[in-house]
Protein backbone atom coordinates (compact mmCIF):
# COMPACT_ATOMS: atom_id res chain seq x y z
CA MET A 1 182.25 86.33 128.91
CA ILE A 2 186.16 87.62 129.46
CA GLU A 3 188.43 85.67 131.13
CA ALA A 4 192.14 86.11 131.60
CA GLN A 5 195.43 85.46 133.79
CA ALA A 6 198.89 86.35 134.60
CA THR A 7 201.60 84.41 136.56
CA ALA A 8 204.83 85.29 138.32
CA LYS A 9 207.04 82.41 138.62
CA TYR A 10 209.88 82.39 140.96
CA VAL A 11 208.76 85.35 144.32
CA ARG A 12 211.20 85.22 146.95
CA THR A 13 208.79 84.31 149.65
CA SER A 14 207.36 81.61 150.66
CA ALA A 15 203.75 79.86 149.26
CA GLN A 16 202.05 80.42 152.90
CA LYS A 17 203.25 84.09 153.55
CA ALA A 18 201.51 84.80 149.55
CA GLY A 19 198.48 82.97 150.23
CA LEU A 20 197.59 85.23 153.34
CA VAL A 21 197.10 87.95 151.06
CA LEU A 22 195.62 86.32 148.07
CA ASP A 23 192.54 85.51 150.45
CA LEU A 24 192.06 89.10 151.11
CA ILE A 25 191.74 89.77 147.52
CA ARG A 26 189.87 86.66 146.05
CA GLY A 27 186.15 87.51 144.85
CA ARG A 28 186.52 91.21 145.20
CA GLY A 29 186.39 93.77 142.24
CA VAL A 30 189.50 94.70 140.73
CA SER A 31 189.20 97.93 142.08
CA GLN A 32 188.70 96.93 145.30
CA ALA A 33 191.49 94.23 145.37
CA THR A 34 194.37 97.18 143.95
CA ALA A 35 193.26 99.38 146.71
CA THR A 36 193.37 96.63 149.44
CA LEU A 37 196.93 95.52 148.04
CA LYS A 38 198.46 98.97 148.21
CA PHE A 39 197.60 99.45 151.60
CA SER A 40 198.76 95.93 152.55
CA ARG A 41 201.77 95.90 155.14
CA LYS A 42 202.89 92.84 153.86
CA ARG A 43 205.58 92.97 151.07
CA VAL A 44 204.63 90.30 148.96
CA ALA A 45 201.49 92.32 148.28
CA ARG A 46 203.84 94.65 145.75
CA ALA A 47 204.27 91.74 143.40
CA ILE A 48 201.05 90.76 143.76
CA GLU A 49 199.71 94.04 143.14
CA LYS A 50 201.70 93.97 139.65
CA VAL A 51 200.55 90.43 138.38
CA LEU A 52 196.84 91.55 138.91
CA ARG A 53 197.60 94.89 137.03
CA SER A 54 199.14 92.37 134.37
CA ALA A 55 196.00 89.96 134.49
CA VAL A 56 194.02 93.14 134.03
CA ALA A 57 196.11 94.13 131.00
CA ASN A 58 195.64 90.90 129.33
CA ALA A 59 192.04 90.95 129.68
CA GLN A 60 191.93 94.36 127.76
CA GLN A 61 193.71 92.76 125.18
CA LYS A 62 191.33 89.93 124.42
CA ASP A 63 188.49 90.76 121.53
CA GLY A 64 185.08 90.85 122.98
CA PHE A 65 186.13 93.28 125.87
CA GLY A 66 183.63 95.49 126.66
CA GLY A 67 186.14 98.06 128.10
CA ASP A 68 184.48 98.87 131.58
CA VAL A 69 187.53 97.57 134.11
CA ASP A 70 185.25 98.11 137.06
CA GLN A 71 183.48 94.78 135.47
CA LEU A 72 186.32 92.58 136.00
CA TYR A 73 186.85 90.90 139.29
CA VAL A 74 189.64 88.46 141.21
CA ARG A 75 187.71 85.10 139.97
CA ALA A 76 191.00 82.85 141.72
CA CYS A 77 193.86 83.47 142.74
CA TYR A 78 196.72 80.86 144.25
CA ALA A 79 200.52 80.24 144.80
CA ASN A 80 201.86 77.61 143.81
CA GLN A 81 205.04 76.15 145.54
CA GLY A 82 208.11 77.38 143.63
CA PRO A 83 211.97 75.62 143.90
CA SER A 84 213.86 76.20 146.98
CA LEU A 85 217.13 77.95 147.78
CA LYS A 86 219.30 75.71 149.99
CA ARG A 87 221.93 77.13 152.27
CA ILE A 88 224.20 76.45 154.75
CA ARG A 89 224.42 78.48 158.13
CA ALA A 90 227.32 77.82 160.66
CA ALA A 91 226.52 76.32 164.07
CA PRO A 92 228.42 76.29 167.03
CA MET A 93 230.83 73.25 167.33
CA GLY A 94 231.82 73.31 163.70
CA ARG A 95 227.94 72.18 163.14
CA ALA A 96 225.81 73.39 160.64
CA PHE A 97 222.16 74.58 159.98
CA ARG A 98 220.33 73.98 156.62
CA VAL A 99 218.51 77.29 155.60
CA LEU A 100 215.80 76.87 153.07
CA LYS A 101 214.76 80.21 151.39
CA ARG A 102 211.33 79.62 149.65
CA SER A 103 210.37 80.32 146.10
CA THR A 104 206.74 81.34 145.50
CA HIS A 105 204.64 80.88 142.26
CA VAL A 106 201.62 83.06 142.24
CA THR A 107 198.92 83.16 139.50
CA ILE A 108 195.47 85.32 139.27
CA GLU A 109 193.14 84.84 136.62
CA VAL A 110 190.05 87.57 136.70
CA ALA A 111 186.92 87.25 134.98
CA GLU A 112 183.97 89.85 133.36
CA ARG A 113 181.06 89.86 136.11
CA ALA A 114 177.68 89.00 134.10
CA ALA A 115 175.27 91.81 133.29
CA VAL A 116 172.47 91.90 136.72
CA VAL A 117 168.80 92.00 134.94
CA ARG A 118 166.64 93.85 137.54
CA ARG A 119 163.09 93.63 136.94
CA SER A 120 161.68 97.26 137.41
CA THR A 121 158.06 95.71 137.39
CA ALA A 122 157.31 93.95 140.13
CA PRO A 123 154.65 94.00 141.87
CA PRO A 124 153.95 96.02 145.42
CA SER A 125 154.27 94.18 148.07
CA THR A 126 150.58 93.28 150.38
CA ALA A 127 152.11 93.70 153.85
CA ARG A 128 151.39 96.46 155.62
CA PRO A 129 153.60 98.50 157.54
CA PRO A 130 152.72 98.69 161.39
CA ARG A 131 150.51 101.61 162.71
CA LYS A 132 152.40 104.38 164.65
CA GLY A 133 152.44 104.07 168.06
CA ALA A 134 151.14 100.40 167.89
CA PRO A 135 152.35 98.23 170.60
CA PRO A 136 154.18 95.43 168.96
CA ARG A 137 152.54 92.54 168.68
CA LYS A 138 153.15 89.17 171.13
CA ARG A 139 154.24 86.26 170.22
CA THR A 140 151.89 83.55 171.34
CA THR A 141 153.95 79.57 172.87
CA THR A 142 152.38 76.94 173.16
CA PRO A 143 152.85 75.18 176.66
CA ARG A 144 155.69 72.96 177.19
CA SER A 145 154.66 69.27 177.79
CA SER A 146 155.50 68.13 181.81
CA THR A 147 156.23 64.64 180.72
CA GLY A 148 159.14 66.04 179.04
CA ARG A 149 162.58 63.88 179.33
CA GLY A 150 163.68 63.73 183.12
CA ALA A 151 160.07 64.78 184.38
CA ARG A 152 158.53 62.40 187.17
CA THR A 153 154.73 60.89 186.53
CA LYS A 154 152.67 59.15 188.58
CA LYS A 155 153.30 55.68 186.81
CA ALA A 156 157.04 56.65 187.89
CA ASP A 157 156.36 57.28 191.51
CA ALA A 158 153.62 54.19 191.97
């Protein structure tokens, strides 16, 4: 089973914003994840798409890779917080506000899906299909007890 990863460091967005986009592609196939990122309206999706393509390229370079990119899926993806640039913004009456320009480290891990083995010699089902024009079967229910919670009994009245 082939596994590969790629990391982009110091991407100029917050880890929280990148995490929203990464949640969209986690567990999906590579082709579906690429399409999702291509049509995402978030700006960080372009940087994440580059990391995903790099992870796929890293998987293709590994020994034992089958050559089928469609078998790869996004096994894990996460955004860790990077260093923040501290800047000053002028405020009224000689004061200043601090502005944090955040960055993030994006990591994507791809892996090859295990081959699906299907049995072609499955026994036929024993359940019969319903007859055409037959009315649906009525479900039988058991009557409820009148001595349940809140019910009055003869002993309580006496």
